[in-house]
Amino acid sequence: MNLQRDYNNEINDAPDHQYAYGFDFDVMHPFMIRSFEPFFIKGSLLELGSFKGDFTQRFMHHFDDVTCVEASSVAMAQAREKLGDKVHYINALFEEATLPKRYNNIVLTHVLEHIDEPVKLLKRINDEWLEEGGRFFLVCPNANAPSRQIAVKMGLISHNSAVTEAEAAHGHRCTYSLDTLEREATAAGLNVVHRSGIFFKALANFQWDHLLQTDIISPEYLEGCYQLGQHYPDLCSSIFLMCERGR
C-alpha cells in the first residue's frame, strides 16, 4: 500500500469518490448513538438529513415516532424501501420544509458543514421545530482531529479547518472546531448544555477500513478510543453539542 497515495485519495479525491467508509457505519454510528442516549427524552424524534436511512434505523430502537427530512428523493426512496412505513418522510430542502409540529428530539449529524447559511438553519430549529424542553443533537466532523492534523503536517492540506477539493466537491462549506460550532449555535439562539467529542481518531478513514478487516483492532481498543475521546474532545473524529431551546 502506498500510504502517501491513499492519504491523498482521502483528502483530495475526485468528486465521484464513494464518500462513505465502513468506519463511519460500523464504528462512528454506534458511538454517536451511545453519546446521545443519556440525553434522549421521551417523545418524538426528527432527523434532518437522513440520506438512505442507515443512521435512522438505529433511532427506531429508541423512538416510535420518527420523522426524516431529506432533500434527495432518490435517497429517500431507498430509505423508504429499507424502513417501510415506520418512519414519516418529508422530501424537502431545509429552507423550504414545512413541518407539522415541534419535536422532542432533533438530530443533525454531519450536515451543518454543507449548509450555505448554517445559523439560519439552526435558528429555524430553535424557533420553529424544537419543542420547549426538547433536545437538539448537533454533530460535525472535527477540524482538529489528529488524522487531519497529520495531513497538515504531511503537506496535504494547508491548515486544520481548510475545505479540501474533495470536501468542496461533496458540498462542504466549512470545517468546524468546537469553538466555531458553538459560536454558530449560540448565534442562532440555542442554549448549549453539553459539549463533547466522539471517538479519538489518529488514523484516516481509509486506514481504519483496512484495519477493521483484520484482527489488529479489537472491540476493547475501539472502546478505549471512545473513552479517551471523552477526555480529549478536541482530538476526536467528530464534535458534539447537545442544545436546548433558547429564548
Protein backbone atom coordinates (compact mmCIF):
# COMPACT_ATOMS: atom_id res chain seq x y z
CA MET A 1 0.00 0.00 0.00
CA ASN A 2 1.26 3.48 -0.90
CA LEU A 3 0.35 5.49 2.20
CA GLN A 4 1.02 8.86 0.58
CA ARG A 5 -1.20 7.97 -2.37
CA ASP A 6 -4.06 6.65 -0.24
CA TYR A 7 -3.89 9.61 2.14
CA ASN A 8 -4.10 11.91 -0.87
CA ASN A 9 -7.08 9.94 -2.13
CA GLU A 10 -8.93 10.56 1.12
CA ILE A 11 -8.04 14.25 1.42
CA ASN A 12 -8.18 15.28 -2.24
CA ASP A 13 -10.18 12.62 -4.04
CA ALA A 14 -12.18 13.09 -7.21
CA PRO A 15 -15.78 14.32 -6.87
CA ASP A 16 -17.24 10.92 -7.80
CA HIS A 17 -15.41 9.09 -5.00
CA GLN A 18 -17.65 6.91 -2.83
CA TYR A 19 -17.78 9.22 0.21
CA ALA A 20 -18.70 6.56 2.77
CA TYR A 21 -16.48 4.24 4.76
CA GLY A 22 -17.09 1.20 6.88
CA PHE A 23 -15.57 3.18 9.75
CA ASP A 24 -18.49 5.62 9.62
CA PHE A 25 -21.23 2.99 9.64
CA ASP A 26 -19.63 0.31 11.80
CA VAL A 27 -17.80 2.44 14.37
CA MET A 28 -18.99 6.05 14.41
CA HIS A 29 -22.74 5.44 14.14
CA PRO A 30 -22.92 3.18 17.23
CA PHE A 31 -20.72 5.53 19.25
CA MET A 32 -22.82 8.54 18.22
CA ILE A 33 -25.95 6.80 19.47
CA ARG A 34 -24.14 5.94 22.69
CA SER A 35 -23.14 9.60 23.13
CA PHE A 36 -26.75 10.73 22.55
CA GLU A 37 -28.54 8.13 24.69
CA PRO A 38 -28.07 9.76 28.12
CA PHE A 39 -29.76 12.91 26.78
CA PHE A 40 -32.69 11.36 24.88
CA ILE A 41 -36.11 12.32 26.20
CA LYS A 42 -39.40 10.55 25.61
CA GLY A 43 -41.48 11.57 22.64
CA SER A 44 -40.76 12.27 19.01
CA LEU A 45 -37.53 12.42 17.02
CA LEU A 46 -36.75 14.48 13.92
CA GLU A 47 -33.71 13.58 11.84
CA LEU A 48 -32.57 16.29 9.46
CA GLY A 49 -30.64 14.91 6.51
CA SER A 50 -31.39 11.19 6.81
CA PHE A 51 -29.98 10.19 3.40
CA LYS A 52 -30.63 6.44 2.83
CA GLY A 53 -31.79 5.72 6.37
CA ASP A 54 -28.76 3.84 7.72
CA PHE A 55 -28.49 6.05 10.81
CA THR A 56 -32.28 6.40 11.03
CA GLN A 57 -32.57 2.68 11.59
CA ARG A 58 -30.65 2.98 14.84
CA PHE A 59 -33.07 5.59 16.23
CA MET A 60 -36.01 3.27 15.67
CA HIS A 61 -34.83 1.18 18.63
CA HIS A 62 -35.38 4.23 20.86
CA PHE A 63 -38.38 6.07 19.38
CA ASP A 64 -41.76 5.06 17.94
CA ASP A 65 -42.37 8.49 16.41
CA VAL A 66 -39.57 9.22 13.89
CA THR A 67 -39.68 11.86 11.13
CA CYS A 68 -36.98 12.35 8.49
CA VAL A 69 -36.37 15.37 6.28
CA GLU A 70 -34.24 14.61 3.22
CA ALA A 71 -33.70 16.71 0.08
CA SER A 72 -32.78 13.78 -2.19
CA SER A 73 -35.86 11.96 -3.48
CA VAL A 74 -33.65 9.07 -4.64
CA ALA A 75 -32.09 8.61 -1.20
CA MET A 76 -35.48 8.91 0.47
CA ALA A 77 -36.95 6.24 -1.80
CA GLN A 78 -34.14 3.89 -0.77
CA ALA A 79 -34.75 4.71 2.89
CA ARG A 80 -38.46 4.06 2.49
CA GLU A 81 -37.74 0.71 0.86
CA LYS A 82 -35.44 -0.20 3.76
CA LEU A 83 -37.51 1.10 6.68
CA GLY A 84 -41.07 0.91 5.38
CA ASP A 85 -43.89 2.96 6.87
CA LYS A 86 -42.45 3.05 10.38
CA VAL A 87 -40.90 6.45 9.59
CA HIS A 88 -42.61 9.63 8.42
CA TYR A 89 -40.72 11.10 5.44
CA ILE A 90 -40.60 14.70 4.24
CA ASN A 91 -38.82 15.25 0.91
CA ALA A 92 -37.75 18.91 1.05
CA LEU A 93 -34.87 21.30 1.42
CA PHE A 94 -34.42 22.52 4.97
CA GLU A 95 -35.02 26.08 3.80
CA GLU A 96 -38.39 25.10 2.32
CA ALA A 97 -39.57 22.36 4.67
CA THR A 98 -42.91 22.86 6.41
CA LEU A 99 -43.14 20.54 9.40
CA PRO A 100 -46.43 19.59 11.07
CA LYS A 101 -45.31 20.02 14.67
CA ARG A 102 -42.43 20.57 17.09
CA TYR A 103 -40.23 17.66 18.15
CA ASN A 104 -38.83 16.47 21.47
CA ASN A 105 -35.52 15.33 19.96
CA ILE A 106 -33.85 16.71 16.81
CA VAL A 107 -30.70 15.25 15.25
CA LEU A 108 -28.37 16.94 12.74
CA THR A 109 -25.24 14.86 12.12
CA HIS A 110 -22.54 15.69 9.56
CA VAL A 111 -24.89 18.06 7.74
CA LEU A 112 -24.26 21.60 9.01
CA GLU A 113 -20.90 21.80 7.22
CA HIS A 114 -22.84 21.50 3.94
CA ILE A 115 -25.20 24.42 4.62
CA ASP A 116 -24.72 27.84 3.00
CA GLU A 117 -26.42 29.69 5.85
CA PRO A 118 -25.88 27.49 8.93
CA VAL A 119 -27.06 30.00 11.53
CA LYS A 120 -30.31 30.46 9.62
CA LEU A 121 -30.96 26.70 9.73
CA LEU A 122 -30.06 26.47 13.42
CA LYS A 123 -32.42 29.37 14.11
CA ARG A 124 -35.27 27.52 12.37
CA ILE A 125 -34.54 24.52 14.56
CA ASN A 126 -34.62 26.67 17.71
CA ASP A 127 -37.55 28.89 16.82
CA GLU A 128 -39.85 26.57 14.83
CA TRP A 129 -39.07 22.88 15.24
CA LEU A 130 -37.67 22.17 18.72
CA GLU A 131 -40.22 21.58 21.44
CA GLU A 132 -39.91 23.52 24.67
CA GLY A 133 -37.74 21.34 26.90
CA GLY A 134 -36.60 19.36 23.88
CA ARG A 135 -33.05 18.31 22.98
CA PHE A 136 -31.05 19.10 19.85
CA PHE A 137 -28.11 16.84 18.92
CA LEU A 138 -25.57 18.52 16.64
CA VAL A 139 -22.52 16.65 15.29
CA CYS A 140 -19.91 17.77 12.75
CA PRO A 141 -16.53 16.49 11.57
CA ASN A 142 -13.74 17.96 13.67
CA ALA A 143 -11.11 20.22 12.09
CA ASN A 144 -8.69 19.35 14.89
CA ALA A 145 -8.92 15.56 14.65
CA PRO A 146 -5.35 14.17 14.85
CA SER A 147 -5.78 12.41 11.50
CA ARG A 148 -6.46 15.79 9.94
CA GLN A 149 -3.60 17.49 11.76
CA ILE A 150 -1.29 14.75 10.47
CA ALA A 151 -2.49 15.54 6.93
CA VAL A 152 -1.49 19.18 7.53
CA LYS A 153 1.99 18.12 8.65
CA MET A 154 2.23 15.91 5.56
CA GLY A 155 1.52 18.95 3.42
CA LEU A 156 -1.75 17.53 2.07
CA ILE A 157 -3.91 20.38 3.37
CA SER A 158 -2.92 23.90 4.32
CA HIS A 159 -4.49 24.14 7.80
CA ASN A 160 -6.79 22.22 10.10
CA SER A 161 -10.03 23.94 9.11
CA ALA A 162 -9.34 24.05 5.36
CA VAL A 163 -12.01 22.75 2.99
CA THR A 164 -10.29 20.36 0.59
CA GLU A 165 -11.18 19.95 -3.08
CA ALA A 166 -12.84 16.63 -2.35
CA GLU A 167 -14.84 18.12 0.52
CA ALA A 168 -15.90 21.09 -1.61
CA ALA A 169 -16.98 18.73 -4.39
CA HIS A 170 -19.04 16.84 -1.83
CA GLY A 171 -20.70 20.09 -0.75
CA HIS A 172 -18.75 21.11 2.33
CA ARG A 173 -18.73 24.83 3.02
CA CYS A 174 -16.57 24.86 6.15
CA THR A 175 -14.81 22.62 8.68
CA TYR A 176 -15.82 23.20 12.29
CA SER A 177 -13.94 23.07 15.56
CA LEU A 178 -15.67 23.10 18.95
CA ASP A 179 -15.39 26.87 19.34
CA THR A 180 -16.70 27.77 15.88
CA LEU A 181 -19.54 25.23 16.11
CA GLU A 182 -20.64 26.61 19.47
CA ARG A 183 -20.42 30.13 18.07
CA GLU A 184 -22.94 29.19 15.35
CA ALA A 185 -25.31 27.51 17.79
CA THR A 186 -25.24 30.43 20.21
CA ALA A 187 -25.75 32.94 17.40
CA ALA A 188 -28.92 31.06 16.44
CA GLY A 189 -30.29 31.40 19.97
CA LEU A 190 -29.73 27.81 21.07
CA ASN A 191 -28.65 27.04 24.62
CA VAL A 192 -25.56 24.79 24.57
CA VAL A 193 -25.92 22.41 27.53
CA HIS A 194 -23.25 19.81 26.76
CA ARG A 195 -20.18 19.73 24.52
CA SER A 196 -18.03 16.72 23.79
CA GLY A 197 -16.22 14.70 21.14
CA ILE A 198 -16.91 11.29 19.66
CA PHE A 199 -14.04 8.82 19.26
CA PHE A 200 -10.35 9.73 19.49
CA LYS A 201 -9.06 9.40 15.92
CA ALA A 202 -5.43 9.46 14.82
CA LEU A 203 -5.93 7.46 11.61
CA ALA A 204 -7.68 8.42 8.39
CA ASN A 205 -10.90 6.61 7.44
CA PHE A 206 -9.26 4.52 4.73
CA GLN A 207 -6.68 3.33 7.27
CA TRP A 208 -9.43 2.37 9.70
CA ASP A 209 -11.24 0.47 6.96
CA HIS A 210 -8.14 -1.62 6.27
CA LEU A 211 -7.58 -2.32 9.96
CA LEU A 212 -11.21 -3.22 10.66
CA GLN A 213 -10.84 -6.12 8.22
CA THR A 214 -8.06 -7.60 10.34
CA ASP A 215 -7.69 -8.84 13.91
CA ILE A 216 -5.40 -5.92 14.79
CA ILE A 217 -8.27 -3.79 16.12
CA SER A 218 -10.25 -5.33 18.98
CA PRO A 219 -13.56 -4.18 20.47
CA GLU A 220 -11.56 -3.22 23.57
CA TYR A 221 -9.35 -0.91 21.50
CA LEU A 222 -12.41 0.78 19.96
CA GLU A 223 -13.86 1.21 23.43
CA GLY A 224 -10.58 2.76 24.58
CA CYS A 225 -10.67 5.28 21.71
CA TYR A 226 -14.24 6.18 22.57
CA GLN A 227 -13.48 6.69 26.25
CA LEU A 228 -10.28 8.64 25.52
CA GLY A 229 -12.36 10.95 23.35
CA GLN A 230 -14.37 11.91 26.43
CA HIS A 231 -11.13 13.26 27.96
CA TYR A 232 -9.90 14.91 24.75
CA PRO A 233 -12.96 16.09 22.79
CA ASP A 234 -10.86 18.43 20.65
CA LEU A 235 -8.95 15.39 19.32
CA CYS A 236 -11.98 13.39 18.25
CA SER A 237 -13.25 12.37 14.85
CA SER A 238 -16.45 14.35 15.39
CA ILE A 239 -17.52 17.11 17.77
CA PHE A 240 -20.88 17.03 19.52
CA LEU A 241 -23.12 19.68 21.05
CA MET A 242 -26.33 18.92 22.91
CA CYS A 243 -28.51 22.02 22.94
CA GLU A 244 -31.86 23.04 24.32
CA ARG A 245 -34.26 25.65 23.02
CA GLY A 246 -33.19 29.18 23.84
CA ARG A 247 -35.45 32.14 24.29
